[in-house]
Amino acid sequence: MQGWKKTALLAASCVLIVAMVVVWFWVDLGTADGIASVIGASAGVAGLAYALISSNGTQQTGPTLTVSKTGKATATGGGTANTGITMLGAGQQVQARTDETGDAESDGSGDANSGIRLT
């Protein structure tokens, strides 16, 4: 959530709490109970409508990874060389793009990567 949205949510919550206390002291508790029920139901419907409208049927995706103009990766003697991105636990959807990556060379026992590796 963005900073201004958090601030607005906090301010609105504080205003509602103060308003609720004022209503408790201004009217009897039976009337306050009825008002609270109407306000609570309205807030629930508004929250549901906001959730349905803001989702727009889009599917949430993970991070966008971009690797561009990497150098040469050379791995020897069982070592590992990486000039790109290695992301562990990529169980989520990830958008990945490479552009002009360098050469990846290994002597057969090493592991070289100059692009994107999702594991």
PDB file of N, CA and C in Angstrom:
ATOM      1  N   MET A   1       0.852  -1.167   0.000  1.00  0.00           N
ATOM      2  CA  MET A   1       0.000   0.000   0.000  1.00  0.00           C
ATOM      3  C   MET A   1       0.901   1.235   0.000  1.00  0.00           C
ATOM      4  N   GLN A   2       0.544   2.211  -0.808  1.00  0.00           N
ATOM      5  CA  GLN A   2       1.330   3.428  -0.912  1.00  0.00           C
ATOM      6  C   GLN A   2       1.184   4.279   0.341  1.00  0.00           C
ATOM      7  N   GLY A   3       2.169   5.170   0.574  1.00  0.00           N
ATOM      8  CA  GLY A   3       2.206   5.983   1.778  1.00  0.00           C
ATOM      9  C   GLY A   3       0.981   6.842   1.984  1.00  0.00           C
ATOM     10  N   TRP A   4       0.518   7.510   0.922  1.00  0.00           N
ATOM     11  CA  TRP A   4      -0.649   8.390   1.074  1.00  0.00           C
ATOM     12  C   TRP A   4      -1.903   7.587   1.354  1.00  0.00           C
ATOM     13  N   LYS A   5      -1.973   6.372   0.833  1.00  0.00           N
ATOM     14  CA  LYS A   5      -3.151   5.533   1.100  1.00  0.00           C
ATOM     15  C   LYS A   5      -3.177   5.106   2.568  1.00  0.00           C
ATOM     16  N   LYS A   6      -1.998   4.779   3.115  1.00  0.00           N
ATOM     17  CA  LYS A   6      -1.931   4.410   4.531  1.00  0.00           C
ATOM     18  C   LYS A   6      -2.346   5.586   5.407  1.00  0.00           C
ATOM     19  N   THR A   7      -1.862   6.777   5.052  1.00  0.00           N
ATOM     20  CA  THR A   7      -2.199   7.967   5.827  1.00  0.00           C
ATOM     21  C   THR A   7      -3.700   8.247   5.772  1.00  0.00           C
ATOM     22  N   ALA A   8      -4.288   8.143   4.580  1.00  0.00           N
ATOM     23  CA  ALA A   8      -5.729   8.370   4.431  1.00  0.00           C
ATOM     24  C   ALA A   8      -6.532   7.334   5.211  1.00  0.00           C
ATOM     25  N   LEU A   9      -6.093   6.085   5.172  1.00  0.00           N
ATOM     26  CA  LEU A   9      -6.796   5.024   5.899  1.00  0.00           C
ATOM     27  C   LEU A   9      -6.713   5.263   7.403  1.00  0.00           C
ATOM     28  N   LEU A  10      -5.545   5.658   7.890  1.00  0.00           N
ATOM     29  CA  LEU A  10      -5.377   5.930   9.309  1.00  0.00           C
ATOM     30  C   LEU A  10      -6.225   7.126   9.747  1.00  0.00           C
ATOM     31  N   ALA A  11      -6.232   8.183   8.943  1.00  0.00           N
ATOM     32  CA  ALA A  11      -7.030   9.371   9.274  1.00  0.00           C
ATOM     33  C   ALA A  11      -8.516   9.035   9.296  1.00  0.00           C
ATOM     34  N   ALA A  12      -8.988   8.297   8.298  1.00  0.00           N
ATOM     35  CA  ALA A  12     -10.402   7.920   8.246  1.00  0.00           C
ATOM     36  C   ALA A  12     -10.776   7.040   9.439  1.00  0.00           C
ATOM     37  N   SER A  13      -9.890   6.138   9.819  1.00  0.00           N
ATOM     38  CA  SER A  13     -10.159   5.271  10.980  1.00  0.00           C
ATOM     39  C   SER A  13     -10.267   6.089  12.261  1.00  0.00           C
ATOM     40  N   CYS A  14      -9.365   7.066  12.425  1.00  0.00           N
ATOM     41  CA  CYS A  14      -9.415   7.915  13.620  1.00  0.00           C
ATOM     42  C   CYS A  14     -10.707   8.732  13.663  1.00  0.00           C
ATOM     43  N   VAL A  15     -11.115   9.272  12.532  1.00  0.00           N
ATOM     44  CA  VAL A  15     -12.356  10.045  12.466  1.00  0.00           C
ATOM     45  C   VAL A  15     -13.549   9.157  12.832  1.00  0.00           C
ATOM     46  N   LEU A  16     -13.576   7.941  12.328  1.00  0.00           N
ATOM     47  CA  LEU A  16     -14.687   7.028  12.634  1.00  0.00           C
ATOM     48  C   LEU A  16     -14.713   6.655  14.113  1.00  0.00           C
ATOM     49  N   ILE A  17     -13.544   6.467  14.719  1.00  0.00           N
ATOM     50  CA  ILE A  17     -13.504   6.127  16.145  1.00  0.00           C
ATOM     51  C   ILE A  17     -14.026   7.285  16.984  1.00  0.00           C
ATOM     52  N   VAL A  18     -13.596   8.501  16.668  1.00  0.00           N
ATOM     53  CA  VAL A  18     -14.085   9.680  17.397  1.00  0.00           C
ATOM     54  C   VAL A  18     -15.588   9.840  17.199  1.00  0.00           C
ATOM     55  N   ALA A  19     -16.053   9.656  15.976  1.00  0.00           N
ATOM     56  CA  ALA A  19     -17.490   9.782  15.694  1.00  0.00           C
ATOM     57  C   ALA A  19     -18.289   8.738  16.475  1.00  0.00           C
ATOM     58  N   MET A  20     -17.737   7.537  16.583  1.00  0.00           N
ATOM     59  CA  MET A  20     -18.431   6.475  17.309  1.00  0.00           C
ATOM     60  C   MET A  20     -18.566   6.838  18.797  1.00  0.00           C
ATOM     61  N   VAL A  21     -17.504   7.356  19.382  1.00  0.00           N
ATOM     62  CA  VAL A  21     -17.560   7.745  20.798  1.00  0.00           C
ATOM     63  C   VAL A  21     -18.550   8.890  21.002  1.00  0.00           C
ATOM     64  N   VAL A  22     -18.557   9.858  20.080  1.00  0.00           N
ATOM     65  CA  VAL A  22     -19.498  10.980  20.176  1.00  0.00           C
ATOM     66  C   VAL A  22     -20.935  10.470  20.111  1.00  0.00           C
ATOM     67  N   VAL A  23     -21.215   9.532  19.212  1.00  0.00           N
ATOM     68  CA  VAL A  23     -22.575   8.983  19.092  1.00  0.00           C
ATOM     69  C   VAL A  23     -22.962   8.269  20.373  1.00  0.00           C
ATOM     70  N   TRP A  24     -22.023   7.543  21.009  1.00  0.00           N
ATOM     71  CA  TRP A  24     -22.336   6.846  22.256  1.00  0.00           C
ATOM     72  C   TRP A  24     -22.777   7.815  23.335  1.00  0.00           C
ATOM     73  N   PHE A  25     -22.124   8.959  23.418  1.00  0.00           N
ATOM     74  CA  PHE A  25     -22.473   9.922  24.461  1.00  0.00           C
ATOM     75  C   PHE A  25     -23.671  10.787  24.084  1.00  0.00           C
ATOM     76  N   TRP A  26     -23.924  10.967  22.816  1.00  0.00           N
ATOM     77  CA  TRP A  26     -24.981  11.858  22.358  1.00  0.00           C
ATOM     78  C   TRP A  26     -26.354  11.192  22.421  1.00  0.00           C
ATOM     79  N   VAL A  27     -26.418   9.907  22.044  1.00  0.00           N
ATOM     80  CA  VAL A  27     -27.695   9.190  22.045  1.00  0.00           C
ATOM     81  C   VAL A  27     -27.596   8.020  23.012  1.00  0.00           C
ATOM     82  N   ASP A  28     -28.725   7.385  23.261  1.00  0.00           N
ATOM     83  CA  ASP A  28     -28.706   6.230  24.154  1.00  0.00           C
ATOM     84  C   ASP A  28     -28.070   5.028  23.440  1.00  0.00           C
ATOM     85  N   LEU A  29     -27.666   4.032  24.193  1.00  0.00           N
ATOM     86  CA  LEU A  29     -26.933   2.894  23.630  1.00  0.00           C
ATOM     87  C   LEU A  29     -27.777   2.071  22.654  1.00  0.00           C
ATOM     88  N   GLY A  30     -29.068   2.022  22.826  1.00  0.00           N
ATOM     89  CA  GLY A  30     -29.929   1.295  21.889  1.00  0.00           C
ATOM     90  C   GLY A  30     -29.917   1.930  20.511  1.00  0.00           C
ATOM     91  N   THR A  31     -30.021   3.238  20.468  1.00  0.00           N
ATOM     92  CA  THR A  31     -29.953   3.951  19.193  1.00  0.00           C
ATOM     93  C   THR A  31     -28.566   3.834  18.592  1.00  0.00           C
ATOM     94  N   ALA A  32     -27.533   3.940  19.441  1.00  0.00           N
ATOM     95  CA  ALA A  32     -26.151   3.808  18.967  1.00  0.00           C
ATOM     96  C   ALA A  32     -25.913   2.427  18.355  1.00  0.00           C
ATOM     97  N   ASP A  33     -26.550   1.411  18.950  1.00  0.00           N
ATOM     98  CA  ASP A  33     -26.408   0.055  18.419  1.00  0.00           C
ATOM     99  C   ASP A  33     -26.992  -0.038  17.007  1.00  0.00           C
ATOM    100  N   GLY A  34     -28.145   0.559  16.808  1.00  0.00           N
ATOM    101  CA  GLY A  34     -28.769   0.564  15.481  1.00  0.00           C
ATOM    102  C   GLY A  34     -27.940   1.315  14.455  1.00  0.00           C
ATOM    103  N   ILE A  35     -27.412   2.463  14.869  1.00  0.00           N
ATOM    104  CA  ILE A  35     -26.569   3.257  13.961  1.00  0.00           C
ATOM    105  C   ILE A  35     -25.313   2.476  13.599  1.00  0.00           C
ATOM    106  N   ALA A  36     -24.701   1.841  14.602  1.00  0.00           N
ATOM    107  CA  ALA A  36     -23.485   1.059  14.354  1.00  0.00           C
ATOM    108  C   ALA A  36     -23.753  -0.102  13.396  1.00  0.00           C
ATOM    109  N   SER A  37     -24.913  -0.723  13.505  1.00  0.00           N
ATOM    110  CA  SER A  37     -25.253  -1.826  12.596  1.00  0.00           C
ATOM    111  C   SER A  37     -25.358  -1.346  11.159  1.00  0.00           C
ATOM    112  N   VAL A  38     -26.010  -0.206  10.958  1.00  0.00           N
ATOM    113  CA  VAL A  38     -26.155   0.339   9.611  1.00  0.00           C
ATOM    114  C   VAL A  38     -24.799   0.751   9.050  1.00  0.00           C
ATOM    115  N   ILE A  39     -23.992   1.423   9.865  1.00  0.00           N
ATOM    116  CA  ILE A  39     -22.666   1.854   9.400  1.00  0.00           C
ATOM    117  C   ILE A  39     -21.779   0.648   9.113  1.00  0.00           C
ATOM    118  N   GLY A  40     -21.828  -0.363   9.968  1.00  0.00           N
ATOM    119  CA  GLY A  40     -21.020  -1.570   9.757  1.00  0.00           C
ATOM    120  C   GLY A  40     -21.403  -2.297   8.478  1.00  0.00           C
ATOM    121  N   ALA A  41     -22.702  -2.423   8.233  1.00  0.00           N
ATOM    122  CA  ALA A  41     -23.161  -3.087   7.008  1.00  0.00           C
ATOM    123  C   ALA A  41     -22.757  -2.279   5.780  1.00  0.00           C
ATOM    124  N   SER A  42     -22.862  -0.957   5.879  1.00  0.00           N
ATOM    125  CA  SER A  42     -22.467  -0.103   4.752  1.00  0.00           C
ATOM    126  C   SER A  42     -20.967  -0.221   4.478  1.00  0.00           C
ATOM    127  N   ALA A  43     -20.172  -0.244   5.528  1.00  0.00           N
ATOM    128  CA  ALA A  43     -18.719  -0.388   5.355  1.00  0.00           C
ATOM    129  C   ALA A  43     -18.378  -1.743   4.735  1.00  0.00           C
ATOM    130  N   GLY A  44     -19.090  -2.774   5.130  1.00  0.00           N
ATOM    131  CA  GLY A  44     -18.847  -4.097   4.551  1.00  0.00           C
ATOM    132  C   GLY A  44     -19.170  -4.147   3.069  1.00  0.00           C
ATOM    133  N   VAL A  45     -20.298  -3.574   2.686  1.00  0.00           N
ATOM    134  CA  VAL A  45     -20.680  -3.531   1.274  1.00  0.00           C
ATOM    135  C   VAL A  45     -19.688  -2.684   0.479  1.00  0.00           C
ATOM    136  N   ALA A  46     -19.267  -1.547   1.049  1.00  0.00           N
ATOM    137  CA  ALA A  46     -18.292  -0.696   0.361  1.00  0.00           C
ATOM    138  C   ALA A  46     -16.958  -1.423   0.188  1.00  0.00           C
ATOM    139  N   GLY A  47     -16.515  -2.153   1.203  1.00  0.00           N
ATOM    140  CA  GLY A  47     -15.271  -2.923   1.113  1.00  0.00           C
ATOM    141  C   GLY A  47     -15.350  -4.016   0.064  1.00  0.00           C
ATOM    142  N   LEU A  48     -16.479  -4.701   0.012  1.00  0.00           N
ATOM    143  CA  LEU A  48     -16.672  -5.742  -0.999  1.00  0.00           C
ATOM    144  C   LEU A  48     -16.673  -5.149  -2.400  1.00  0.00           C
ATOM    145  N   ALA A  49     -17.366  -4.033  -2.569  1.00  0.00           N
ATOM    146  CA  ALA A  49     -17.400  -3.378  -3.885  1.00  0.00           C
ATOM    147  C   ALA A  49     -16.007  -2.924  -4.300  1.00  0.00           C
ATOM    148  N   TYR A  50     -15.235  -2.360  -3.365  1.00  0.00           N
ATOM    149  CA  TYR A  50     -13.873  -1.917  -3.668  1.00  0.00           C
ATOM    150  C   TYR A  50     -12.993  -3.100  -4.090  1.00  0.00           C
ATOM    151  N   ALA A  51     -13.110  -4.217  -3.376  1.00  0.00           N
ATOM    152  CA  ALA A  51     -12.310  -5.394  -3.709  1.00  0.00           C
ATOM    153  C   ALA A  51     -12.658  -5.918  -5.099  1.00  0.00           C
ATOM    154  N   LEU A  52     -13.928  -5.937  -5.434  1.00  0.00           N
ATOM    155  CA  LEU A  52     -14.343  -6.433  -6.746  1.00  0.00           C
ATOM    156  C   LEU A  52     -13.929  -5.487  -7.864  1.00  0.00           C
ATOM    157  N   ILE A  53     -14.035  -4.193  -7.633  1.00  0.00           N
ATOM    158  CA  ILE A  53     -13.680  -3.213  -8.663  1.00  0.00           C
ATOM    159  C   ILE A  53     -12.174  -3.139  -8.862  1.00  0.00           C
ATOM    160  N   SER A  54     -11.407  -3.169  -7.768  1.00  0.00           N
ATOM    161  CA  SER A  54      -9.955  -3.003  -7.883  1.00  0.00           C
ATOM    162  C   SER A  54      -9.259  -4.222  -8.451  1.00  0.00           C
ATOM    163  N   SER A  55      -9.859  -5.404  -8.373  1.00  0.00           N
ATOM    164  CA  SER A  55      -9.191  -6.600  -8.903  1.00  0.00           C
ATOM    165  C   SER A  55      -9.239  -6.636 -10.427  1.00  0.00           C
ATOM    166  N   ASN A  56     -10.298  -6.151 -11.031  1.00  0.00           N
ATOM    167  CA  ASN A  56     -10.459  -6.103 -12.494  1.00  0.00           C
ATOM    168  C   ASN A  56     -10.206  -7.445 -13.167  1.00  0.00           C
ATOM    169  N   GLY A  57     -10.288  -8.526 -12.434  1.00  0.00           N
ATOM    170  CA  GLY A  57     -10.074  -9.838 -13.025  1.00  0.00           C
ATOM    171  C   GLY A  57      -8.635 -10.103 -13.428  1.00  0.00           C
ATOM    172  N   THR A  58      -7.709  -9.264 -13.015  1.00  0.00           N
ATOM    173  CA  THR A  58      -6.311  -9.472 -13.374  1.00  0.00           C
ATOM    174  C   THR A  58      -5.663 -10.422 -12.391  1.00  0.00           C
ATOM    175  N   GLN A  59      -4.712 -11.158 -12.906  1.00  0.00           N
ATOM    176  CA  GLN A  59      -3.992 -12.104 -12.081  1.00  0.00           C
ATOM    177  C   GLN A  59      -2.711 -11.448 -11.599  1.00  0.00           C
ATOM    178  N   GLN A  60      -2.432 -11.572 -10.308  1.00  0.00           N
ATOM    179  CA  GLN A  60      -1.228 -10.973  -9.781  1.00  0.00           C
ATOM    180  C   GLN A  60      -0.011 -11.765 -10.246  1.00  0.00           C
ATOM    181  N   THR A  61       1.037 -11.048 -10.601  1.00  0.00           N
ATOM    182  CA  THR A  61       2.267 -11.689 -11.033  1.00  0.00           C
ATOM    183  C   THR A  61       3.381 -11.323 -10.082  1.00  0.00           C
ATOM    184  N   GLY A  62       4.425 -12.093 -10.152  1.00  0.00           N
ATOM    185  CA  GLY A  62       5.585 -11.844  -9.320  1.00  0.00           C
ATOM    186  C   GLY A  62       6.435 -10.728  -9.898  1.00  0.00           C
ATOM    187  N   PRO A  63       7.687 -10.712  -9.507  1.00  0.00           N
ATOM    188  CA  PRO A  63       8.569  -9.639  -9.954  1.00  0.00           C
ATOM    189  C   PRO A  63       8.897  -9.728 -11.436  1.00  0.00           C
ATOM    190  N   THR A  64       9.339  -8.622 -11.992  1.00  0.00           N
ATOM    191  CA  THR A  64       9.820  -8.583 -13.367  1.00  0.00           C
ATOM    192  C   THR A  64      11.336  -8.547 -13.322  1.00  0.00           C
ATOM    193  N   LEU A  65      11.969  -9.549 -13.903  1.00  0.00           N
ATOM    194  CA  LEU A  65      13.421  -9.643 -13.907  1.00  0.00           C
ATOM    195  C   LEU A  65      13.949  -9.275 -15.280  1.00  0.00           C
ATOM    196  N   THR A  66      14.981  -8.447 -15.325  1.00  0.00           N
ATOM    197  CA  THR A  66      15.596  -8.051 -16.580  1.00  0.00           C
ATOM    198  C   THR A  66      17.105  -8.160 -16.446  1.00  0.00           C
ATOM    199  N   VAL A  67      17.725  -8.846 -17.397  1.00  0.00           N
ATOM    200  CA  VAL A  67      19.177  -8.939 -17.455  1.00  0.00           C
ATOM    201  C   VAL A  67      19.602  -8.379 -18.799  1.00  0.00           C
ATOM    202  N   SER A  68      20.541  -7.435 -18.762  1.00  0.00           N
ATOM    203  CA  SER A  68      20.954  -6.777 -19.990  1.00  0.00           C
ATOM    204  C   SER A  68      22.454  -6.524 -19.982  1.00  0.00           C
ATOM    205  N   LYS A  69      23.091  -6.818 -21.112  1.00  0.00           N
ATOM    206  CA  LYS A  69      24.502  -6.500 -21.339  1.00  0.00           C
ATOM    207  C   LYS A  69      25.421  -7.014 -20.242  1.00  0.00           C
ATOM    208  N   THR A  70      25.290  -8.293 -19.926  1.00  0.00           N
ATOM    209  CA  THR A  70      26.142  -8.888 -18.899  1.00  0.00           C
ATOM    210  C   THR A  70      27.491  -9.258 -19.499  1.00  0.00           C
ATOM    211  N   GLY A  71      28.430  -9.486 -18.639  1.00  0.00           N
ATOM    212  CA  GLY A  71      29.758  -9.893 -19.082  1.00  0.00           C
ATOM    213  C   GLY A  71      29.843 -11.397 -19.252  1.00  0.00           C
ATOM    214  N   LYS A  72      31.064 -11.871 -19.371  1.00  0.00           N
ATOM    215  CA  LYS A  72      31.325 -13.287 -19.583  1.00  0.00           C
ATOM    216  C   LYS A  72      31.373 -14.002 -18.232  1.00  0.00           C
ATOM    217  N   ALA A  73      30.730 -15.161 -18.148  1.00  0.00           N
ATOM    218  CA  ALA A  73      30.765 -15.984 -16.936  1.00  0.00           C
ATOM    219  C   ALA A  73      31.550 -17.247 -17.254  1.00  0.00           C
ATOM    220  N   THR A  74      32.637 -17.493 -16.502  1.00  0.00           N
ATOM    221  CA  THR A  74      33.472 -18.673 -16.715  1.00  0.00           C
ATOM    222  C   THR A  74      33.605 -19.420 -15.402  1.00  0.00           C
ATOM    223  N   ALA A  75      33.220 -20.690 -15.401  1.00  0.00           N
ATOM    224  CA  ALA A  75      33.306 -21.524 -14.211  1.00  0.00           C
ATOM    225  C   ALA A  75      34.248 -22.689 -14.486  1.00  0.00           C
ATOM    226  N   THR A  76      35.203 -22.896 -13.591  1.00  0.00           N
ATOM    227  CA  THR A  76      36.144 -24.006 -13.724  1.00  0.00           C
ATOM    228  C   THR A  76      36.273 -24.730 -12.395  1.00  0.00           C
ATOM    229  N   GLY A  77      36.722 -25.963 -12.474  1.00  0.00           N
ATOM    230  CA  GLY A  77      37.015 -26.744 -11.272  1.00  0.00           C
ATOM    231  C   GLY A  77      35.835 -26.942 -10.346  1.00  0.00           C
ATOM    232  N   GLY A  78      34.646 -27.073 -10.876  1.00  0.00           N
ATOM    233  CA  GLY A  78      33.458 -27.303 -10.057  1.00  0.00           C
ATOM    234  C   GLY A  78      32.887 -26.036  -9.443  1.00  0.00           C
ATOM    235  N   GLY A  79      33.414 -24.878  -9.811  1.00  0.00           N
ATOM    236  CA  GLY A  79      32.939 -23.610  -9.269  1.00  0.00           C
ATOM    237  C   GLY A  79      31.681 -23.124  -9.960  1.00  0.00           C
ATOM    238  N   THR A  80      31.195 -22.001  -9.495  1.00  0.00           N
ATOM    239  CA  THR A  80      29.994 -21.390 -10.054  1.00  0.00           C
ATOM    240  C   THR A  80      30.308 -19.952 -10.447  1.00  0.00           C
ATOM    241  N   ALA A  81      29.861 -19.555 -11.631  1.00  0.00           N
ATOM    242  CA  ALA A  81      30.020 -18.178 -12.086  1.00  0.00           C
ATOM    243  C   ALA A  81      28.671 -17.670 -12.572  1.00  0.00           C
ATOM    244  N   ASN A  82      28.345 -16.437 -12.165  1.00  0.00           N
ATOM    245  CA  ASN A  82      27.045 -15.873 -12.524  1.00  0.00           C
ATOM    246  C   ASN A  82      27.195 -14.375 -12.770  1.00  0.00           C
ATOM    247  N   THR A  83      26.810 -13.924 -13.944  1.00  0.00           N
ATOM    248  CA  THR A  83      26.763 -12.485 -14.210  1.00  0.00           C
ATOM    249  C   THR A  83      25.329 -12.043 -14.474  1.00  0.00           C
ATOM    250  N   GLY A  84      24.398 -12.932 -14.231  1.00  0.00           N
ATOM    251  CA  GLY A  84      22.984 -12.611 -14.442  1.00  0.00           C
ATOM    252  C   GLY A  84      22.234 -12.641 -13.127  1.00  0.00           C
ATOM    253  N   ILE A  85      21.083 -13.290 -13.110  1.00  0.00           N
ATOM    254  CA  ILE A  85      20.230 -13.366 -11.919  1.00  0.00           C
ATOM    255  C   ILE A  85      19.954 -14.819 -11.605  1.00  0.00           C
ATOM    256  N   THR A  86      20.095 -15.188 -10.339  1.00  0.00           N
ATOM    257  CA  THR A  86      19.657 -16.485  -9.856  1.00  0.00           C
ATOM    258  C   THR A  86      18.615 -16.230  -8.790  1.00  0.00           C
ATOM    259  N   MET A  87      17.423 -16.767  -8.982  1.00  0.00           N
ATOM    260  CA  MET A  87      16.336 -16.558  -8.018  1.00  0.00           C
ATOM    261  C   MET A  87      15.899 -17.902  -7.481  1.00  0.00           C
ATOM    262  N   LEU A  88      16.098 -18.100  -6.195  1.00  0.00           N
ATOM    263  CA  LEU A  88      15.708 -19.351  -5.550  1.00  0.00           C
ATOM    264  C   LEU A  88      14.247 -19.293  -5.137  1.00  0.00           C
ATOM    265  N   GLY A  89      13.601 -20.435  -5.160  1.00  0.00           N
ATOM    266  CA  GLY A  89      12.223 -20.509  -4.717  1.00  0.00           C
ATOM    267  C   GLY A  89      11.263 -19.744  -5.606  1.00  0.00           C
ATOM    268  N   ALA A  90      11.452 -19.811  -6.905  1.00  0.00           N
ATOM    269  CA  ALA A  90      10.595 -19.068  -7.839  1.00  0.00           C
ATOM    270  C   ALA A  90       9.319 -19.851  -8.102  1.00  0.00           C
ATOM    271  N   GLY A  91       8.540 -20.095  -7.052  1.00  0.00           N
ATOM    272  CA  GLY A  91       7.293 -20.818  -7.200  1.00  0.00           C
ATOM    273  C   GLY A  91       6.159 -19.937  -7.704  1.00  0.00           C
ATOM    274  N   GLN A  92       6.395 -18.657  -7.774  1.00  0.00           N
ATOM    275  CA  GLN A  92       5.377 -17.731  -8.244  1.00  0.00           C
ATOM    276  C   GLN A  92       5.607 -17.398  -9.713  1.00  0.00           C
ATOM    277  N   GLN A  93       4.653 -16.715 -10.301  1.00  0.00           N
ATOM    278  CA  GLN A  93       4.827 -16.289 -11.684  1.00  0.00           C
ATOM    279  C   GLN A  93       5.839 -15.159 -11.730  1.00  0.00           C
ATOM    280  N   VAL A  94       6.773 -15.274 -12.664  1.00  0.00           N
ATOM    281  CA  VAL A  94       7.829 -14.285 -12.802  1.00  0.00           C
ATOM    282  C   VAL A  94       7.907 -13.880 -14.261  1.00  0.00           C
ATOM    283  N   GLN A  95       7.989 -12.585 -14.513  1.00  0.00           N
ATOM    284  CA  GLN A  95       8.222 -12.107 -15.863  1.00  0.00           C
ATOM    285  C   GLN A  95       9.727 -11.909 -15.998  1.00  0.00           C
ATOM    286  N   ALA A  96      10.327 -12.521 -17.014  1.00  0.00           N
ATOM    287  CA  ALA A  96      11.777 -12.452 -17.179  1.00  0.00           C
ATOM    288  C   ALA A  96      12.127 -12.058 -18.607  1.00  0.00           C
ATOM    289  N   ARG A  97      13.187 -11.227 -18.734  1.00  0.00           N
ATOM    290  CA  ARG A  97      13.627 -10.780 -20.050  1.00  0.00           C
ATOM    291  C   ARG A  97      15.142 -10.654 -20.041  1.00  0.00           C
ATOM    292  N   THR A  98      15.767 -11.129 -21.111  1.00  0.00           N
ATOM    293  CA  THR A  98      17.211 -10.973 -21.261  1.00  0.00           C
ATOM    294  C   THR A  98      17.500 -10.212 -22.547  1.00  0.00           C
ATOM    295  N   ASP A  99      18.640  -9.507 -22.551  1.00  0.00           N
ATOM    296  CA  ASP A  99      19.025  -8.730 -23.718  1.00  0.00           C
ATOM    297  C   ASP A  99      20.548  -8.640 -23.756  1.00  0.00           C
ATOM    298  N   GLU A 100      21.139  -9.124 -24.810  1.00  0.00           N
ATOM    299  CA  GLU A 100      22.579  -9.048 -25.030  1.00  0.00           C
ATOM    300  C   GLU A 100      23.387  -9.567 -23.840  1.00  0.00           C
ATOM    301  N   THR A 101      23.091 -10.790 -23.419  1.00  0.00           N
ATOM    302  CA  THR A 101      23.848 -11.364 -22.304  1.00  0.00           C
ATOM    303  C   THR A 101      25.196 -11.866 -22.805  1.00  0.00           C
ATOM    304  N   GLY A 102      26.131 -11.964 -21.876  1.00  0.00           N
ATOM    305  CA  GLY A 102      27.477 -12.402 -22.215  1.00  0.00           C
ATOM    306  C   GLY A 102      27.554 -13.905 -22.405  1.00  0.00           C
ATOM    307  N   ASP A 103      28.769 -14.380 -22.715  1.00  0.00           N
ATOM    308  CA  ASP A 103      29.003 -15.809 -22.893  1.00  0.00           C
ATOM    309  C   ASP A 103      29.092 -16.484 -21.530  1.00  0.00           C
ATOM    310  N   ALA A 104      28.609 -17.703 -21.454  1.00  0.00           N
ATOM    311  CA  ALA A 104      28.730 -18.519 -20.245  1.00  0.00           C
ATOM    312  C   ALA A 104      29.533 -19.753 -20.618  1.00  0.00           C
ATOM    313  N   GLU A 105      30.700 -19.930 -19.985  1.00  0.00           N
ATOM    314  CA  GLU A 105      31.579 -21.047 -20.293  1.00  0.00           C
ATOM    315  C   GLU A 105      31.875 -21.844 -19.036  1.00  0.00           C
ATOM    316  N   SER A 106      31.911 -23.168 -19.194  1.00  0.00           N
ATOM    317  CA  SER A 106      32.219 -24.054 -18.089  1.00  0.00           C
ATOM    318  C   SER A 106      33.163 -25.135 -18.592  1.00  0.00           C
ATOM    319  N   ASP A 107      34.075 -25.600 -17.729  1.00  0.00           N
ATOM    320  CA  ASP A 107      35.002 -26.658 -18.126  1.00  0.00           C
ATOM    321  C   ASP A 107      34.364 -28.041 -18.018  1.00  0.00           C
ATOM    322  N   GLY A 108      33.103 -28.102 -17.749  1.00  0.00           N
ATOM    323  CA  GLY A 108      32.386 -29.374 -17.654  1.00  0.00           C
ATOM    324  C   GLY A 108      31.997 -29.700 -16.224  1.00  0.00           C
ATOM    325  N   SER A 109      32.817 -29.296 -15.263  1.00  0.00           N
ATOM    326  CA  SER A 109      32.478 -29.564 -13.868  1.00  0.00           C
ATOM    327  C   SER A 109      31.952 -28.309 -13.167  1.00  0.00           C
ATOM    328  N   GLY A 110      32.040 -27.159 -13.836  1.00  0.00           N
ATOM    329  CA  GLY A 110      31.560 -25.901 -13.260  1.00  0.00           C
ATOM    330  C   GLY A 110      30.148 -25.576 -13.716  1.00  0.00           C
ATOM    331  N   ASP A 111      29.649 -24.459 -13.224  1.00  0.00           N
ATOM    332  CA  ASP A 111      28.290 -24.025 -13.533  1.00  0.00           C
ATOM    333  C   ASP A 111      28.333 -22.529 -13.844  1.00  0.00           C
ATOM    334  N   ALA A 112      28.073 -22.147 -15.094  1.00  0.00           N
ATOM    335  CA  ALA A 112      28.151 -20.747 -15.512  1.00  0.00           C
ATOM    336  C   ALA A 112      26.791 -20.267 -16.022  1.00  0.00           C
ATOM    337  N   ASN A 113      26.448 -19.019 -15.660  1.00  0.00           N
ATOM    338  CA  ASN A 113      25.166 -18.437 -16.055  1.00  0.00           C
ATOM    339  C   ASN A 113      25.376 -16.955 -16.341  1.00  0.00           C
ATOM    340  N   SER A 114      24.914 -16.503 -17.489  1.00  0.00           N
ATOM    341  CA  SER A 114      24.959 -15.059 -17.767  1.00  0.00           C
ATOM    342  C   SER A 114      23.577 -14.531 -18.102  1.00  0.00           C
ATOM    343  N   GLY A 115      22.564 -15.281 -17.757  1.00  0.00           N
ATOM    344  CA  GLY A 115      21.182 -14.873 -18.020  1.00  0.00           C
ATOM    345  C   GLY A 115      20.368 -14.919 -16.742  1.00  0.00           C
ATOM    346  N   ILE A 116      19.206 -15.582 -16.798  1.00  0.00           N
ATOM    347  CA  ILE A 116      18.318 -15.685 -15.643  1.00  0.00           C
ATOM    348  C   ILE A 116      18.097 -17.149 -15.347  1.00  0.00           C
ATOM    349  N   ARG A 117      18.304 -17.519 -14.092  1.00  0.00           N
ATOM    350  CA  ARG A 117      18.073 -18.901 -13.666  1.00  0.00           C
ATOM    351  C   ARG A 117      17.074 -18.881 -12.517  1.00  0.00           C
ATOM    352  N   LEU A 118      15.938 -19.528 -12.727  1.00  0.00           N
ATOM    353  CA  LEU A 118      14.895 -19.634 -11.719  1.00  0.00           C
ATOM    354  C   LEU A 118      14.893 -21.058 -11.196  1.00  0.00           C
ATOM    355  N   THR A 119      15.024 -21.222  -9.893  1.00  0.00           N
ATOM    356  CA  THR A 119      15.035 -22.580  -9.320  1.00  0.00           C
ATOM    357  C   THR A 119      13.973 -22.728  -8.278  1.00  0.00           C
TER     358      THR A 119
END
